[in-house]
Protein backbone atom coordinates (compact mmCIF):
# COMPACT_ATOMS: atom_id res chain seq x y z
CA MET A 1 67.85 76.64 94.37
CA GLU A 2 70.37 73.80 94.73
CA ASN A 3 73.25 76.43 93.70
CA GLU A 4 72.04 78.76 96.19
CA ASN A 5 71.96 76.26 98.77
CA ILE A 6 75.83 75.26 97.82
CA ASN A 7 76.90 79.00 97.70
CA TYR A 8 75.63 79.51 101.01
CA LYS A 9 77.01 76.38 102.32
CA LYS A 10 80.56 77.62 100.90
CA MET A 11 80.11 80.89 102.25
CA ARG A 12 79.39 79.41 105.92
CA ARG A 13 82.48 77.27 105.10
CA ASN A 14 84.68 80.18 104.70
CA ILE A 15 83.61 82.51 107.18
CA THR A 16 83.92 79.42 109.67
CA ILE A 17 87.62 79.15 108.12
CA LEU A 18 88.23 83.29 108.62
CA PHE A 19 86.79 82.95 112.24
CA ALA A 20 89.37 80.04 113.03
CA LEU A 21 92.32 81.71 111.39
CA LEU A 22 91.19 84.69 113.31
CA SER A 23 91.39 82.37 116.82
CA MET A 24 94.98 81.29 115.89
CA THR A 25 96.09 84.90 115.43
CA PHE A 26 95.11 85.87 118.81
CA ALA A 27 95.89 82.80 120.15
CA PHE A 28 99.87 82.96 119.20
CA GLY A 29 100.10 86.62 119.55
CA GLN A 30 101.50 89.46 117.40
CA GLY A 31 103.02 89.31 113.90
CA LYS A 32 104.33 86.17 112.00
CA TYR A 33 106.61 84.98 114.93
CA GLY A 34 104.01 85.04 117.80
CA LYS A 35 103.69 81.14 118.03
CA TYR A 36 107.32 81.28 119.26
CA LEU A 37 107.50 81.27 123.02
CA SER A 38 111.54 80.60 122.85
CA SER A 39 114.20 82.88 121.80
CA LYS A 40 116.47 79.86 121.06
CA LYS A 41 113.59 77.97 118.72
CA LEU A 42 112.81 81.24 117.41
CA ALA A 43 116.79 81.71 116.32
CA MET A 44 116.66 78.02 114.64
CA VAL A 45 114.57 79.92 111.80
CA TYR A 46 116.80 83.01 111.40
CA LYS A 47 118.21 81.93 107.54
CA SER A 48 114.56 81.27 106.26
CA VAL A 49 113.49 84.89 107.22
CA LYS A 50 112.50 86.96 104.63
CA ASP A 51 113.10 90.63 104.16
CA GLY A 52 109.46 91.52 104.59
CA ASP A 53 109.21 89.70 107.80
CA LYS A 54 112.35 90.84 109.80
CA ASP A 55 110.30 93.35 111.67
CA ASP A 56 108.21 90.58 113.19
CA PHE A 57 111.08 88.26 113.66
CA TYR A 58 113.60 90.83 115.54
CA GLN A 59 110.29 92.24 117.72
CA GLN A 60 109.28 89.12 118.74
CA TYR A 61 112.91 87.69 119.21
CA TYR A 62 113.60 90.88 121.47
CA TRP A 63 110.26 90.26 123.78
CA LEU A 64 111.45 86.73 124.47
CA ALA A 65 115.00 87.88 125.32
CA LYS A 66 113.77 90.35 127.83
CA ALA A 67 111.30 88.10 129.28
CA GLU A 68 113.85 85.45 129.70
CA GLN A 69 116.43 87.65 131.42
CA LEU A 70 113.45 88.49 133.88
CA LYS A 71 113.45 85.05 134.56
CA THR A 72 117.13 84.35 135.71
CA TYR A 73 116.36 86.09 139.12
CA PRO A 74 115.74 83.78 141.63
CA HIS A 75 112.98 85.70 142.77
CA LEU A 76 110.80 85.60 139.72
CA LYS A 77 111.79 81.56 139.09
CA ASP A 78 107.84 80.67 139.99
CA VAL A 79 106.23 83.24 137.27
CA LYS A 80 105.00 81.31 134.27
CA PRO A 81 107.66 82.47 131.44
CA LYS A 82 104.36 83.54 129.49
CA VAL A 83 103.27 85.76 132.10
CA LEU A 84 106.76 87.66 132.08
CA TYR A 85 106.51 87.75 127.93
CA GLU A 86 103.42 89.26 128.12
CA PHE A 87 104.34 91.88 130.80
CA VAL A 88 107.51 92.55 128.40
CA LYS A 89 105.05 93.19 125.41
CA LYS A 90 102.85 95.60 127.45
CA VAL A 91 105.83 97.70 128.81
CA ASN A 92 107.64 97.62 125.11
CA PRO A 93 104.48 97.67 122.63
CA GLN A 94 105.80 96.93 119.02
CA ASN A 95 106.81 100.21 117.40
CA PRO A 96 105.55 101.15 113.85
CA THR A 97 108.52 101.47 111.84
CA LYS A 98 106.99 102.29 108.24
CA LYS A 99 107.87 105.95 109.25
CA LEU A 100 111.39 105.99 109.97
CA ASP A 101 113.62 108.88 109.06
CA ALA A 102 116.97 108.65 107.34
CA ARG A 103 118.54 108.40 110.60
CA GLY A 104 116.13 105.66 112.00
CA LYS A 105 117.06 103.85 108.61
CA GLU A 106 120.56 103.76 109.08
CA LEU A 107 120.88 102.69 112.31
CA ARG A 108 118.66 100.04 111.64
CA THR A 109 120.75 98.75 108.76
CA THR A 110 123.79 99.14 110.95
CA ALA A 111 122.18 96.95 113.79
CA GLU A 112 121.17 94.46 111.26
CA LEU A 113 124.66 93.96 109.86
CA SER A 114 125.93 93.22 113.58
CA LEU A 115 122.78 91.09 114.35
CA ASN A 116 123.45 89.24 111.42
CA GLN A 117 127.23 87.88 112.50
CA TYR A 118 125.89 87.22 116.14
CA PHE A 119 122.68 84.83 114.66
CA LYS A 120 124.97 83.19 112.09
CA ASN A 121 127.48 82.41 114.64
CA LYS A 122 124.78 81.49 117.28
CA ASN A 123 126.56 84.07 119.75
CA LEU A 124 123.12 84.61 121.50
CA ASP A 125 123.57 83.94 125.46
CA ASN A 126 124.04 86.65 127.65
CA ASN A 127 125.44 88.99 124.94
CA SER A 128 125.20 92.58 125.65
CA VAL A 129 126.24 93.99 122.65
CA LEU A 130 123.51 91.78 120.81
CA MET A 131 120.97 93.36 122.88
CA TYR A 132 121.98 96.72 122.31
CA ASN A 133 121.88 96.10 118.54
CA LEU A 134 118.47 94.59 118.96
CA GLU A 135 116.88 97.31 120.97
CA THR A 136 118.35 99.65 118.34
CA TYR A 137 116.72 97.42 115.35
CA VAL A 138 113.31 97.24 116.85
CA ASP A 139 113.45 101.09 118.45
CA PRO A 140 115.55 102.87 116.40
CA SER A 141 114.35 106.48 117.35
CA LYS A 142 114.98 105.48 120.92
CA GLY A 143 111.55 107.46 121.84
CA GLN A 144 109.17 104.31 122.30
CA TYR A 145 110.28 102.21 124.91
CA TYR A 146 110.69 102.10 128.85
CA THR A 147 113.51 99.96 127.99
CA LYS A 148 114.85 99.53 131.52
CA VAL A 149 113.05 97.33 133.93
CA ASP A 150 115.23 96.75 136.76
CA ALA A 151 114.84 93.30 137.83
CA GLU A 152 116.42 93.45 141.34
CA LYS A 153 113.63 96.17 142.18
CA ILE A 154 110.48 93.78 141.11
CA LYS A 155 108.52 93.56 144.29
CA GLU A 156 106.38 90.46 145.20
CA LEU A 157 103.45 92.31 146.64
CA VAL A 158 101.26 89.05 147.09
CA PRO A 159 103.43 85.67 146.82
CA LYS A 160 102.98 84.54 143.28
CA GLU A 161 100.01 86.75 142.58
CA LEU A 162 100.91 90.65 142.42
CA TYR A 163 104.17 91.75 141.36
CA ALA A 164 105.26 95.31 141.19
CA PHE A 165 107.22 96.32 138.09
CA ASN A 166 109.02 99.80 137.94
CA SER A 167 110.74 100.84 134.68
CA ASN A 168 112.33 104.01 133.27
CA ASN A 169 112.22 106.16 130.32
CA ARG A 170 115.96 106.63 129.59
CA ASN A 171 114.96 109.82 127.48
CA THR A 172 112.88 111.68 129.89
CA GLY A 173 114.04 110.07 133.39
CA GLU A 174 110.45 109.34 133.94
CA ASP A 175 109.82 106.45 136.71
CA LYS A 176 106.36 103.93 135.91
CA THR A 177 105.20 101.54 138.18
CA TYR A 178 103.19 98.70 136.42
CA TYR A 179 101.23 95.94 138.46
CA LEU A 180 100.84 92.44 137.20
CA TRP A 181 98.10 90.37 138.58
CA ILE A 182 98.32 86.89 138.09
CA ASN A 183 94.46 85.02 138.54
CA LYS A 184 95.33 81.99 139.63
CA GLU A 185 91.71 80.38 139.33
CA LYS A 186 91.39 81.70 136.03
CA ASP A 187 95.26 81.01 135.09
CA ASP A 188 95.24 84.38 133.69
CA PHE A 189 97.21 87.67 133.80
CA ASN A 190 96.72 91.38 133.80
CA ILE A 191 98.40 94.78 134.21
CA VAL A 192 96.28 96.56 136.67
CA ASP A 193 95.67 99.84 138.62
CA ILE A 194 96.20 100.13 142.43
CA ILE A 195 94.92 103.11 142.83
CA PRO A 196 91.40 103.34 141.94
CA GLU A 197 90.02 104.60 138.65
CA GLU A 198 88.04 107.66 139.86
CA LYS A 199 85.47 107.66 137.24
CA GLU A 200 84.37 103.99 137.81
CA ASN A 201 84.60 104.28 141.53
CA LYS A 202 83.10 107.77 142.30
CA ALA A 203 81.30 105.97 145.72
CA PHE A 204 85.10 104.96 146.99
CA TYR A 205 86.13 108.48 146.23
CA ALA A 206 82.94 109.84 147.92
CA ARG A 207 83.57 107.72 150.95
CA VAL A 208 87.25 108.82 151.69
CA LYS A 209 86.38 112.47 151.27
CA GLN A 210 83.48 112.19 154.03
CA TYR A 211 86.37 110.64 156.14
CA LEU A 212 89.75 112.45 154.88
CA PRO A 213 88.52 115.48 152.89
CA SER A 214 92.32 116.36 152.05
CA TYR A 215 93.53 112.98 151.65
CA LYS A 216 95.75 112.43 148.33
CA PHE A 217 97.57 108.91 147.06
CA SER A 218 101.08 108.19 147.55
CA LYS A 219 103.24 107.87 144.53
CA TYR A 220 104.90 105.13 146.07
CA VAL A 221 104.24 101.39 145.84
CA PRO A 222 101.74 100.38 148.49
CA SER A 223 101.42 97.29 150.97
CA VAL A 224 98.89 94.48 149.94
CA LYS A 225 97.64 91.85 151.85
CA LYS A 226 94.92 88.92 151.17
CA GLY A 227 91.87 88.61 152.96
CA THR A 228 91.31 85.87 155.83
CA LYS A 229 91.79 82.58 154.54
CA THR A 230 89.29 81.16 156.96
CA ASP A 231 86.53 83.28 156.11
CA ARG A 232 84.83 82.86 152.68
CA THR A 233 83.26 86.16 152.60
CA ASP A 234 86.92 87.83 152.93
CA ALA A 235 89.34 85.36 151.35
CA ASP A 236 89.17 86.36 147.56
CA TYR A 237 90.05 90.39 148.96
CA TYR A 238 93.23 92.22 148.21
CA TYR A 239 93.72 94.88 150.86
CA ILE A 240 95.78 97.79 149.81
CA MET A 241 97.39 100.32 152.18
CA PRO A 242 99.33 103.30 150.41
CA PHE A 243 102.93 103.99 151.73
CA GLU A 244 102.87 105.89 155.01
CA GLN A 245 103.88 109.50 154.96
CA ASN A 246 103.09 110.11 158.44
CA THR A 247 99.79 112.06 157.53
CA ASP A 248 96.20 110.67 156.92
CA ASN A 249 96.24 107.14 155.39
CA ILE A 250 93.50 104.82 154.01
CA GLU A 251 93.30 100.71 153.50
CA TYR A 252 91.14 99.67 150.91
CA LYS A 253 90.12 96.38 149.22
CA THR A 254 89.48 94.90 146.21
CA LYS A 255 88.75 91.37 144.47
CA ASP A 256 89.11 92.44 140.54
CA PHE A 257 91.70 95.76 140.62
CA LYS A 258 88.73 97.27 139.14
CA THR A 259 86.25 97.89 141.52
CA PHE A 260 87.25 98.84 145.08
CA GLU A 261 85.85 99.45 148.46
CA LEU A 262 87.31 101.54 151.40
CA SER A 263 88.02 99.17 154.32
CA GLN A 264 89.70 101.42 157.33
CA TYR A 265 91.38 105.11 157.72
CA ARG A 266 93.25 106.88 159.90
CA LYS A 267 93.78 110.43 160.42
CA ALA A 268 97.37 111.91 161.48
CA GLY A 269 98.36 110.88 164.80
CA ASP A 270 95.36 108.88 165.74
CA GLU A 271 94.06 105.32 165.80
CA TRP A 272 92.54 103.29 162.93
CA LYS A 273 89.01 103.30 162.49
CA GLY A 274 87.21 100.78 160.55
CA VAL A 275 84.44 101.38 157.60
CA GLU A 276 83.33 97.65 157.82
CA LYS A 277 85.64 96.15 160.05
CA PRO A 278 89.13 96.23 161.49
CA ARG A 279 92.25 95.00 160.12
CA LYS A 280 95.24 93.85 161.78
């Protein structure tokens, strides 16, 4: 009986340790080097990186370098570095490289030879050649990443809370807009949808169709305003108005970018009509 109790206690201790290790892994992010949130600090461990860890090392350095590039733009100076880092990770998720073809392996080997020189000589600041080789290393196929994010085209829709990031896939020419929402109350951030998800907002779509049967959402970045600060029932809402194209239009609101409610609508050439209360 005593031995059973000892074994049970050991098992509980091992489970506790396992969950603690898992928590640390999630807290620090992906890969072995996820705990580094500064490219300069990460560069300092370059010489100790083993061959089997190079994927994680260069991937983490890439994410950090891209995030730090965005941070240099004045209109992004108030955005926390970790927010930009998580955004870069979302746009450029880790690229599986175990199935590289012969050409991919060749490109990676060449890129690594160049990277070795830059890291060895600590020639890391504002180095476009290093960034090119770094990108080649983490994505030799050039098929995974929306690599170009033009910081000058980043729009601050709600100061310090909501941003629109445009990216371009250099292979397909596809443009895609990501919306980054910073929840200040929870000190959290999420990539969110501005256009309501139809399956989760059936009542919203039914309401729109009731007033504007042929309405279609614009592909352009909308305008967003916060609710009235002095009205507690309204202050937490974000009011979204799709880009105006001289046709029917709507305004709708949300608190969490998951559920949405129609606020007002306008038929082409008519005045705005409030579904709940008019908005200025």
